[in-house]
Every structure is written in C-alpha cells, then in structure tokens.
All heavy atoms as atom14 arrays in JSON, in Angstrom:
{
  "sequence": "NDFNLFQEPEDYYPPEPEDKVEVFERNPEWVTAGTPSQITVNL",
  "atom14_mask": [
    [1, 1, 1, 1, 1, 1, 1, 1, 0, 0, 0, 0, 0, 0],
    [1, 1, 1, 1, 1, 1, 1, 1, 0, 0, 0, 0, 0, 0],
    [1, 1, 1, 1, 1, 1, 1, 1, 1, 1, 1, 0, 0, 0],
    [1, 1, 1, 1, 1, 1, 1, 1, 0, 0, 0, 0, 0, 0],
    [1, 1, 1, 1, 1, 1, 1, 1, 0, 0, 0, 0, 0, 0],
    [1, 1, 1, 1, 1, 1, 1, 1, 1, 1, 1, 0, 0, 0],
    [1, 1, 1, 1, 1, 1, 1, 1, 1, 0, 0, 0, 0, 0],
    [1, 1, 1, 1, 1, 1, 1, 1, 1, 0, 0, 0, 0, 0],
    [1, 1, 1, 1, 1, 1, 1, 0, 0, 0, 0, 0, 0, 0],
    [1, 1, 1, 1, 1, 1, 1, 1, 1, 0, 0, 0, 0, 0],
    [1, 1, 1, 1, 1, 1, 1, 1, 0, 0, 0, 0, 0, 0],
    [1, 1, 1, 1, 1, 1, 1, 1, 1, 1, 1, 1, 0, 0],
    [1, 1, 1, 1, 1, 1, 1, 1, 1, 1, 1, 1, 0, 0],
    [1, 1, 1, 1, 1, 1, 1, 0, 0, 0, 0, 0, 0, 0],
    [1, 1, 1, 1, 1, 1, 1, 0, 0, 0, 0, 0, 0, 0],
    [1, 1, 1, 1, 1, 1, 1, 1, 1, 0, 0, 0, 0, 0],
    [1, 1, 1, 1, 1, 1, 1, 0, 0, 0, 0, 0, 0, 0],
    [1, 1, 1, 1, 1, 1, 1, 1, 1, 0, 0, 0, 0, 0],
    [1, 1, 1, 1, 1, 1, 1, 1, 0, 0, 0, 0, 0, 0],
    [1, 1, 1, 1, 1, 1, 1, 1, 1, 0, 0, 0, 0, 0],
    [1, 1, 1, 1, 1, 1, 1, 0, 0, 0, 0, 0, 0, 0],
    [1, 1, 1, 1, 1, 1, 1, 1, 1, 0, 0, 0, 0, 0],
    [1, 1, 1, 1, 1, 1, 1, 0, 0, 0, 0, 0, 0, 0],
    [1, 1, 1, 1, 1, 1, 1, 1, 1, 1, 1, 0, 0, 0],
    [1, 1, 1, 1, 1, 1, 1, 1, 1, 0, 0, 0, 0, 0],
    [1, 1, 1, 1, 1, 1, 1, 1, 1, 1, 1, 0, 0, 0],
    [1, 1, 1, 1, 1, 1, 1, 1, 0, 0, 0, 0, 0, 0],
    [1, 1, 1, 1, 1, 1, 1, 0, 0, 0, 0, 0, 0, 0],
    [1, 1, 1, 1, 1, 1, 1, 1, 1, 0, 0, 0, 0, 0],
    [1, 1, 1, 1, 1, 1, 1, 1, 1, 1, 1, 1, 1, 1],
    [1, 1, 1, 1, 1, 1, 1, 0, 0, 0, 0, 0, 0, 0],
    [1, 1, 1, 1, 1, 1, 1, 0, 0, 0, 0, 0, 0, 0],
    [1, 1, 1, 1, 1, 0, 0, 0, 0, 0, 0, 0, 0, 0],
    [1, 1, 1, 1, 0, 0, 0, 0, 0, 0, 0, 0, 0, 0],
    [1, 1, 1, 1, 1, 1, 1, 0, 0, 0, 0, 0, 0, 0],
    [1, 1, 1, 1, 1, 1, 1, 0, 0, 0, 0, 0, 0, 0],
    [1, 1, 1, 1, 1, 1, 0, 0, 0, 0, 0, 0, 0, 0],
    [1, 1, 1, 1, 1, 1, 1, 1, 1, 0, 0, 0, 0, 0],
    [1, 1, 1, 1, 1, 1, 1, 1, 0, 0, 0, 0, 0, 0],
    [1, 1, 1, 1, 1, 1, 1, 0, 0, 0, 0, 0, 0, 0],
    [1, 1, 1, 1, 1, 1, 1, 0, 0, 0, 0, 0, 0, 0],
    [1, 1, 1, 1, 1, 1, 1, 1, 0, 0, 0, 0, 0, 0],
    [1, 1, 1, 1, 1, 1, 1, 1, 0, 0, 0, 0, 0, 0]
  ],
  "atom14_positions": [
    [[-19.89, -31.62, 4.43], [-19.13, -31.57, 3.18], [-20.04, -31.29, 1.99], [-19.63, -30.68, 1.01], [-18.38, -32.88, 2.97], [-17.18, -33.01, 3.89], [-16.66, -32.01, 4.39], [-16.76, -34.25, 4.15], [0.0, 0.0, 0.0], [0.0, 0.0, 0.0], [0.0, 0.0, 0.0], [0.0, 0.0, 0.0], [0.0, 0.0, 0.0], [0.0, 0.0, 0.0]],
    [[-21.33, -31.75, 2.07], [-22.26, -31.46, 1.0], [-22.48, -29.96, 0.86], [-22.49, -29.39, -0.22], [-23.6, -32.14, 1.26], [-23.54, -33.65, 1.03], [-22.56, -34.09, 0.41], [-24.46, -34.35, 1.48], [0.0, 0.0, 0.0], [0.0, 0.0, 0.0], [0.0, 0.0, 0.0], [0.0, 0.0, 0.0], [0.0, 0.0, 0.0], [0.0, 0.0, 0.0]],
    [[-22.65, -29.3, 2.01], [-22.84, -27.85, 1.97], [-21.6, -27.13, 1.47], [-21.68, -26.1, 0.84], [-23.22, -27.34, 3.36], [-24.62, -27.72, 3.76], [-24.86, -28.7, 4.69], [-25.71, -27.1, 3.16], [-26.16, -29.05, 5.04], [-27.02, -27.44, 3.51], [-27.24, -28.42, 4.45], [0.0, 0.0, 0.0], [0.0, 0.0, 0.0], [0.0, 0.0, 0.0]],
    [[-20.43, -27.68, 1.74], [-19.2, -27.05, 1.3], [-19.07, -27.0, -0.21], [-18.3, -26.23, -0.76], [-17.99, -27.78, 1.89], [-17.83, -27.54, 3.38], [-18.37, -26.56, 3.89], [-17.12, -28.43, 4.06], [0.0, 0.0, 0.0], [0.0, 0.0, 0.0], [0.0, 0.0, 0.0], [0.0, 0.0, 0.0], [0.0, 0.0, 0.0], [0.0, 0.0, 0.0]],
    [[-19.86, -27.85, -0.9], [-19.83, -27.84, -2.36], [-20.29, -26.49, -2.92], [-19.95, -26.12, -4.04], [-20.72, -28.95, -2.92], [-20.27, -30.39, -2.67], [-21.33, -31.36, -3.16], [-18.95, -30.66, -3.39], [0.0, 0.0, 0.0], [0.0, 0.0, 0.0], [0.0, 0.0, 0.0], [0.0, 0.0, 0.0], [0.0, 0.0, 0.0], [0.0, 0.0, 0.0]],
    [[-21.09, -25.77, -2.14], [-21.65, -24.5, -2.6], [-20.84, -23.3, -2.13], [-21.23, -22.18, -2.33], [-23.09, -24.37, -2.11], [-23.99, -25.45, -2.65], [-24.27, -26.56, -1.88], [-24.53, -25.36, -3.92], [-25.08, -27.56, -2.37], [-25.34, -26.35, -4.41], [-25.62, -27.48, -3.65], [0.0, 0.0, 0.0], [0.0, 0.0, 0.0], [0.0, 0.0, 0.0]],
    [[-19.71, -23.57, -1.49], [-18.85, -22.49, -1.03], [-17.7, -22.29, -2.01], [-17.16, -23.25, -2.56], [-18.29, -22.78, 0.36], [-19.35, -22.86, 1.43], [-18.76, -23.17, 2.79], [-17.56, -23.36, 2.91], [-19.62, -23.22, 3.8], [0.0, 0.0, 0.0], [0.0, 0.0, 0.0], [0.0, 0.0, 0.0], [0.0, 0.0, 0.0], [0.0, 0.0, 0.0]],
    [[-17.36, -21.0, -2.24], [-16.26, -20.71, -3.15], [-14.94, -21.16, -2.53], [-14.75, -21.06, -1.32], [-16.18, -19.21, -3.44], [-17.38, -18.67, -4.2], [-18.45, -18.18, -3.26], [-18.3, -18.39, -2.02], [-19.44, -17.6, -3.75], [0.0, 0.0, 0.0], [0.0, 0.0, 0.0], [0.0, 0.0, 0.0], [0.0, 0.0, 0.0], [0.0, 0.0, 0.0]],
    [[-14.03, -21.64, -3.35], [-12.69, -21.97, -2.83], [-12.03, -20.74, -2.23], [-12.4, -19.6, -2.55], [-11.93, -22.45, -4.09], [-12.99, -22.77, -5.08], [-14.16, -21.9, -4.79], [0.0, 0.0, 0.0], [0.0, 0.0, 0.0], [0.0, 0.0, 0.0], [0.0, 0.0, 0.0], [0.0, 0.0, 0.0], [0.0, 0.0, 0.0], [0.0, 0.0, 0.0]],
    [[-11.05, -20.96, -1.38], [-10.38, -19.85, -0.71], [-9.78, -18.85, -1.69], [-9.71, -17.66, -1.41], [-9.3, -20.38, 0.23], [-9.85, -21.11, 1.44], [-8.75, -21.54, 2.38], [-7.58, -21.19, 2.11], [-9.04, -22.22, 3.38], [0.0, 0.0, 0.0], [0.0, 0.0, 0.0], [0.0, 0.0, 0.0], [0.0, 0.0, 0.0], [0.0, 0.0, 0.0]],
    [[-9.31, -19.33, -2.84], [-8.66, -18.44, -3.81], [-9.62, -18.04, -4.94], [-9.19, -17.62, -6.01], [-7.42, -19.12, -4.39], [-7.73, -20.45, -5.08], [-8.9, -20.91, -4.98], [-6.83, -21.01, -5.71], [0.0, 0.0, 0.0], [0.0, 0.0, 0.0], [0.0, 0.0, 0.0], [0.0, 0.0, 0.0], [0.0, 0.0, 0.0], [0.0, 0.0, 0.0]],
    [[-10.94, -18.13, -4.69], [-11.91, -17.82, -5.73], [-11.87, -16.34, -6.09], [-11.94, -15.97, -7.26], [-13.31, -18.19, -5.25], [-14.41, -17.95, -6.26], [-14.64, -18.86, -7.3], [-15.22, -16.82, -6.18], [-15.64, -18.64, -8.23], [-16.23, -16.59, -7.11], [-16.43, -17.51, -8.13], [-17.42, -17.3, -9.05], [0.0, 0.0, 0.0], [0.0, 0.0, 0.0]],
    [[-11.77, -15.47, -5.07], [-11.71, -14.03, -5.3], [-10.25, -13.58, -5.37], [-9.42, -14.08, -4.62], [-12.43, -13.27, -4.2], [-13.92, -13.51, -4.17], [-14.49, -14.35, -3.22], [-14.76, -12.92, -5.12], [-15.87, -14.57, -3.19], [-16.12, -13.14, -5.1], [-16.67, -13.98, -4.14], [-18.02, -14.2, -4.13], [0.0, 0.0, 0.0], [0.0, 0.0, 0.0]],
    [[-9.94, -12.64, -6.25], [-8.55, -12.13, -6.3], [-8.22, -11.43, -5.0], [-9.09, -10.84, -4.36], [-8.56, -11.16, -7.48], [-10.0, -10.75, -7.63], [-10.81, -11.95, -7.22], [0.0, 0.0, 0.0], [0.0, 0.0, 0.0], [0.0, 0.0, 0.0], [0.0, 0.0, 0.0], [0.0, 0.0, 0.0], [0.0, 0.0, 0.0], [0.0, 0.0, 0.0]],
    [[-6.97, -11.46, -4.59], [-6.58, -10.8, -3.34], [-6.71, -9.28, -3.47], [-6.6, -8.71, -4.56], [-5.12, -11.21, -3.17], [-4.64, -11.53, -4.55], [-5.82, -12.1, -5.26], [0.0, 0.0, 0.0], [0.0, 0.0, 0.0], [0.0, 0.0, 0.0], [0.0, 0.0, 0.0], [0.0, 0.0, 0.0], [0.0, 0.0, 0.0], [0.0, 0.0, 0.0]],
    [[-6.96, -8.62, -2.33], [-7.0, -7.16, -2.32], [-5.62, -6.61, -2.68], [-4.6, -7.12, -2.21], [-7.39, -6.66, -0.93], [-8.84, -6.94, -0.56], [-9.79, -6.05, -1.35], [-9.39, -4.92, -1.68], [-10.91, -6.51, -1.65], [0.0, 0.0, 0.0], [0.0, 0.0, 0.0], [0.0, 0.0, 0.0], [0.0, 0.0, 0.0], [0.0, 0.0, 0.0]],
    [[-5.57, -5.59, -3.52], [-4.26, -4.99, -3.84], [-3.57, -4.5, -2.57], [-4.22, -3.96, -1.67], [-4.62, -3.82, -4.76], [-5.98, -4.13, -5.3], [-6.67, -4.9, -4.22], [0.0, 0.0, 0.0], [0.0, 0.0, 0.0], [0.0, 0.0, 0.0], [0.0, 0.0, 0.0], [0.0, 0.0, 0.0], [0.0, 0.0, 0.0], [0.0, 0.0, 0.0]],
    [[-2.29, -4.7, -2.5], [-1.54, -4.28, -1.32], [-1.29, -2.78, -1.35], [-1.24, -2.15, -2.41], [-0.2, -5.03, -1.26], [-0.33, -6.53, -1.05], [1.02, -7.2, -0.91], [2.04, -6.5, -1.03], [1.05, -8.43, -0.68], [0.0, 0.0, 0.0], [0.0, 0.0, 0.0], [0.0, 0.0, 0.0], [0.0, 0.0, 0.0], [0.0, 0.0, 0.0]],
    [[-1.13, -2.2, -0.16], [-0.76, -0.79, -0.07], [0.56, -0.56, -0.79], [1.38, -1.49, -0.94], [-0.61, -0.36, 1.38], [-1.95, -0.25, 2.09], [-2.98, -0.59, 1.48], [-1.95, 0.17, 3.26], [0.0, 0.0, 0.0], [0.0, 0.0, 0.0], [0.0, 0.0, 0.0], [0.0, 0.0, 0.0], [0.0, 0.0, 0.0], [0.0, 0.0, 0.0]],
    [[0.76, 0.65, -1.24], [2.02, 1.0, -1.9], [2.57, 2.28, -1.27], [1.83, 3.04, -0.64], [1.83, 1.17, -3.4], [0.68, 2.09, -3.8], [0.45, 2.05, -5.3], [-0.73, 2.92, -5.72], [-2.02, 2.35, -5.29], [0.0, 0.0, 0.0], [0.0, 0.0, 0.0], [0.0, 0.0, 0.0], [0.0, 0.0, 0.0], [0.0, 0.0, 0.0]],
    [[3.84, 2.5, -1.47], [4.51, 3.67, -0.89], [5.12, 4.49, -2.01], [5.76, 3.95, -2.93], [5.6, 3.25, 0.11], [6.4, 4.46, 0.57], [4.98, 2.54, 1.31], [0.0, 0.0, 0.0], [0.0, 0.0, 0.0], [0.0, 0.0, 0.0], [0.0, 0.0, 0.0], [0.0, 0.0, 0.0], [0.0, 0.0, 0.0], [0.0, 0.0, 0.0]],
    [[4.9, 5.79, -1.96], [5.54, 6.7, -2.9], [6.34, 7.72, -2.1], [5.83, 8.29, -1.12], [4.5, 7.4, -3.78], [5.13, 8.18, -4.92], [4.17, 8.43, -6.07], [3.16, 7.73, -6.18], [4.46, 9.36, -6.86], [0.0, 0.0, 0.0], [0.0, 0.0, 0.0], [0.0, 0.0, 0.0], [0.0, 0.0, 0.0], [0.0, 0.0, 0.0]],
    [[7.58, 7.94, -2.5], [8.46, 8.86, -1.8], [8.52, 10.17, -2.57], [8.89, 10.19, -3.74], [9.87, 8.26, -1.62], [10.79, 9.28, -0.94], [9.8, 6.99, -0.79], [0.0, 0.0, 0.0], [0.0, 0.0, 0.0], [0.0, 0.0, 0.0], [0.0, 0.0, 0.0], [0.0, 0.0, 0.0], [0.0, 0.0, 0.0], [0.0, 0.0, 0.0]],
    [[8.16, 11.25, -1.89], [8.21, 12.58, -2.49], [9.52, 13.24, -2.08], [9.78, 13.47, -0.89], [7.03, 13.42, -2.01], [7.06, 14.84, -2.5], [6.76, 15.15, -3.81], [7.39, 15.89, -1.63], [6.78, 16.47, -4.26], [7.43, 17.2, -2.07], [7.12, 17.49, -3.4], [0.0, 0.0, 0.0], [0.0, 0.0, 0.0], [0.0, 0.0, 0.0]],
    [[10.37, 13.53, -3.07], [11.67, 14.14, -2.82], [11.51, 15.66, -2.83], [11.14, 16.26, -3.84], [12.68, 13.73, -3.9], [12.95, 12.24, -3.95], [13.94, 11.79, -2.88], [14.49, 12.67, -2.18], [14.15, 10.58, -2.76], [0.0, 0.0, 0.0], [0.0, 0.0, 0.0], [0.0, 0.0, 0.0], [0.0, 0.0, 0.0], [0.0, 0.0, 0.0]],
    [[11.76, 16.29, -1.7], [11.67, 17.74, -1.62], [12.92, 18.38, -2.24], [14.01, 17.8, -2.2], [11.51, 18.18, -0.17], [10.29, 17.59, 0.51], [10.27, 17.87, 1.99], [10.06, 19.3, 2.27], [10.26, 19.85, 3.46], [10.72, 19.11, 4.47], [10.03, 21.14, 3.65], [0.0, 0.0, 0.0], [0.0, 0.0, 0.0], [0.0, 0.0, 0.0]],
    [[12.76, 19.54, -2.81], [13.89, 20.29, -3.36], [14.82, 20.66, -2.21], [14.4, 21.34, -1.26], [13.39, 21.54, -4.07], [14.48, 22.28, -4.81], [15.59, 22.42, -4.32], [14.16, 22.78, -5.99], [0.0, 0.0, 0.0], [0.0, 0.0, 0.0], [0.0, 0.0, 0.0], [0.0, 0.0, 0.0], [0.0, 0.0, 0.0], [0.0, 0.0, 0.0]],
    [[16.09, 20.23, -2.25], [17.0, 20.5, -1.13], [17.12, 21.98, -0.79], [17.35, 22.33, 0.37], [18.34, 19.94, -1.63], [17.98, 18.92, -2.66], [16.73, 19.44, -3.32], [0.0, 0.0, 0.0], [0.0, 0.0, 0.0], [0.0, 0.0, 0.0], [0.0, 0.0, 0.0], [0.0, 0.0, 0.0], [0.0, 0.0, 0.0], [0.0, 0.0, 0.0]],
    [[16.94, 22.85, -1.78], [17.05, 24.29, -1.53], [15.92, 24.82, -0.66], [16.03, 25.89, -0.06], [17.07, 25.05, -2.86], [18.27, 24.73, -3.74], [18.24, 25.51, -5.03], [17.31, 26.34, -5.21], [19.13, 25.3, -5.87], [0.0, 0.0, 0.0], [0.0, 0.0, 0.0], [0.0, 0.0, 0.0], [0.0, 0.0, 0.0], [0.0, 0.0, 0.0]],
    [[14.83, 24.05, -0.57], [13.65, 24.53, 0.15], [13.43, 23.83, 1.48], [12.48, 24.16, 2.2], [12.4, 24.35, -0.72], [12.47, 25.03, -2.05], [13.22, 26.13, -2.39], [11.78, 24.65, -3.24], [13.03, 26.46, -3.7], [12.14, 25.57, -4.25], [10.88, 23.64, -3.56], [11.63, 25.5, -5.56], [10.37, 23.57, -4.84], [10.75, 24.49, -5.83]],
    [[14.3, 22.88, 1.81], [14.09, 22.08, 3.02], [14.65, 22.82, 4.23], [15.83, 23.18, 4.27], [14.75, 20.7, 2.89], [14.61, 19.91, 4.2], [14.11, 19.91, 1.74], [0.0, 0.0, 0.0], [0.0, 0.0, 0.0], [0.0, 0.0, 0.0], [0.0, 0.0, 0.0], [0.0, 0.0, 0.0], [0.0, 0.0, 0.0], [0.0, 0.0, 0.0]],
    [[13.82, 23.06, 5.21], [14.25, 23.71, 6.45], [14.99, 22.71, 7.33], [14.6, 21.53, 7.41], [13.03, 24.25, 7.21], [12.32, 25.15, 6.36], [13.44, 24.98, 8.48], [0.0, 0.0, 0.0], [0.0, 0.0, 0.0], [0.0, 0.0, 0.0], [0.0, 0.0, 0.0], [0.0, 0.0, 0.0], [0.0, 0.0, 0.0], [0.0, 0.0, 0.0]],
    [[16.06, 23.16, 7.96], [16.82, 22.29, 8.85], [15.9, 21.67, 9.9], [15.02, 22.34, 10.45], [17.93, 23.09, 9.54], [0.0, 0.0, 0.0], [0.0, 0.0, 0.0], [0.0, 0.0, 0.0], [0.0, 0.0, 0.0], [0.0, 0.0, 0.0], [0.0, 0.0, 0.0], [0.0, 0.0, 0.0], [0.0, 0.0, 0.0], [0.0, 0.0, 0.0]],
    [[16.1, 20.39, 10.14], [15.3, 19.69, 11.13], [14.03, 19.07, 10.57], [13.29, 18.43, 11.31], [0.0, 0.0, 0.0], [0.0, 0.0, 0.0], [0.0, 0.0, 0.0], [0.0, 0.0, 0.0], [0.0, 0.0, 0.0], [0.0, 0.0, 0.0], [0.0, 0.0, 0.0], [0.0, 0.0, 0.0], [0.0, 0.0, 0.0], [0.0, 0.0, 0.0]],
    [[13.76, 19.27, 9.28], [12.6, 18.65, 8.65], [13.07, 17.63, 7.62], [14.19, 17.74, 7.1], [11.7, 19.7, 7.98], [12.4, 20.3, 6.86], [11.3, 20.78, 8.96], [0.0, 0.0, 0.0], [0.0, 0.0, 0.0], [0.0, 0.0, 0.0], [0.0, 0.0, 0.0], [0.0, 0.0, 0.0], [0.0, 0.0, 0.0], [0.0, 0.0, 0.0]],
    [[12.27, 16.64, 7.3], [12.72, 15.57, 6.4], [12.92, 16.06, 4.97], [12.19, 16.92, 4.48], [11.59, 14.54, 6.48], [10.39, 15.32, 6.91], [10.9, 16.41, 7.81], [0.0, 0.0, 0.0], [0.0, 0.0, 0.0], [0.0, 0.0, 0.0], [0.0, 0.0, 0.0], [0.0, 0.0, 0.0], [0.0, 0.0, 0.0], [0.0, 0.0, 0.0]],
    [[13.93, 15.5, 4.32], [14.18, 15.81, 2.91], [13.26, 15.01, 1.99], [13.12, 15.33, 0.81], [15.63, 15.53, 2.56], [15.94, 14.16, 2.76], [0.0, 0.0, 0.0], [0.0, 0.0, 0.0], [0.0, 0.0, 0.0], [0.0, 0.0, 0.0], [0.0, 0.0, 0.0], [0.0, 0.0, 0.0], [0.0, 0.0, 0.0], [0.0, 0.0, 0.0]],
    [[12.64, 13.97, 2.55], [11.7, 13.14, 1.82], [10.42, 13.01, 2.63], [10.45, 12.97, 3.86], [12.25, 11.73, 1.57], [13.53, 11.66, 0.79], [14.05, 10.23, 0.7], [13.82, 9.41, 1.6], [14.72, 9.91, -0.39], [0.0, 0.0, 0.0], [0.0, 0.0, 0.0], [0.0, 0.0, 0.0], [0.0, 0.0, 0.0], [0.0, 0.0, 0.0]],
    [[9.3, 12.94, 1.92], [8.02, 12.64, 2.56], [7.58, 11.26, 2.05], [7.45, 11.06, 0.84], [6.94, 13.69, 2.22], [7.4, 15.09, 2.61], [5.62, 13.32, 2.89], [7.51, 15.34, 4.09], [0.0, 0.0, 0.0], [0.0, 0.0, 0.0], [0.0, 0.0, 0.0], [0.0, 0.0, 0.0], [0.0, 0.0, 0.0], [0.0, 0.0, 0.0]],
    [[7.42, 10.34, 2.97], [7.01, 8.99, 2.61], [5.49, 8.89, 2.69], [4.91, 9.03, 3.77], [7.65, 7.95, 3.54], [9.07, 8.08, 3.48], [7.26, 6.54, 3.13], [0.0, 0.0, 0.0], [0.0, 0.0, 0.0], [0.0, 0.0, 0.0], [0.0, 0.0, 0.0], [0.0, 0.0, 0.0], [0.0, 0.0, 0.0], [0.0, 0.0, 0.0]],
    [[4.86, 8.66, 1.54], [3.4, 8.66, 1.47], [2.91, 7.23, 1.24], [3.15, 6.64, 0.18], [2.89, 9.58, 0.34], [1.36, 9.59, 0.31], [3.44, 10.99, 0.52], [0.0, 0.0, 0.0], [0.0, 0.0, 0.0], [0.0, 0.0, 0.0], [0.0, 0.0, 0.0], [0.0, 0.0, 0.0], [0.0, 0.0, 0.0], [0.0, 0.0, 0.0]],
    [[2.24, 6.68, 2.23], [1.61, 5.38, 2.06], [0.27, 5.58, 1.36], [-0.49, 6.49, 1.68], [1.38, 4.7, 3.42], [1.0, 3.24, 3.26], [1.85, 2.4, 3.01], [-0.29, 2.93, 3.38], [0.0, 0.0, 0.0], [0.0, 0.0, 0.0], [0.0, 0.0, 0.0], [0.0, 0.0, 0.0], [0.0, 0.0, 0.0], [0.0, 0.0, 0.0]],
    [[-0.02, 4.73, 0.39], [-1.25, 4.81, -0.38], [-1.98, 3.48, -0.32], [-1.34, 2.42, -0.39], [-0.95, 5.18, -1.84], [-0.25, 6.53, -2.06], [0.32, 6.6, -3.46], [-1.23, 7.67, -1.82], [0.0, 0.0, 0.0], [0.0, 0.0, 0.0], [0.0, 0.0, 0.0], [0.0, 0.0, 0.0], [0.0, 0.0, 0.0], [0.0, 0.0, 0.0]]
  ]
}
C-alpha cells in the first residue's frame, strides 16, 4: 500500500476519445444499382 501512494489513480489520465462515425450521402443520381447510397466511414 505504501508503494501504491506513488501510483496515479485510475481516472488520473483522461480517457481516449472514442471512435466516431460519419455518413457520406451519395448523390442519388450517381448511385449505381446494387451499390450503397451511403458510405459509413468510421474515424
């Protein structure tokens, strides 16, 4: 427990930012049949 005094608490560092998703809407006039009308981009 003495050594634990020199350790940072679990919440000492801010959490890593979470991934986000952006949806790219394709122009319906340009979308070929059988391909998605939206592209889901994970970032």
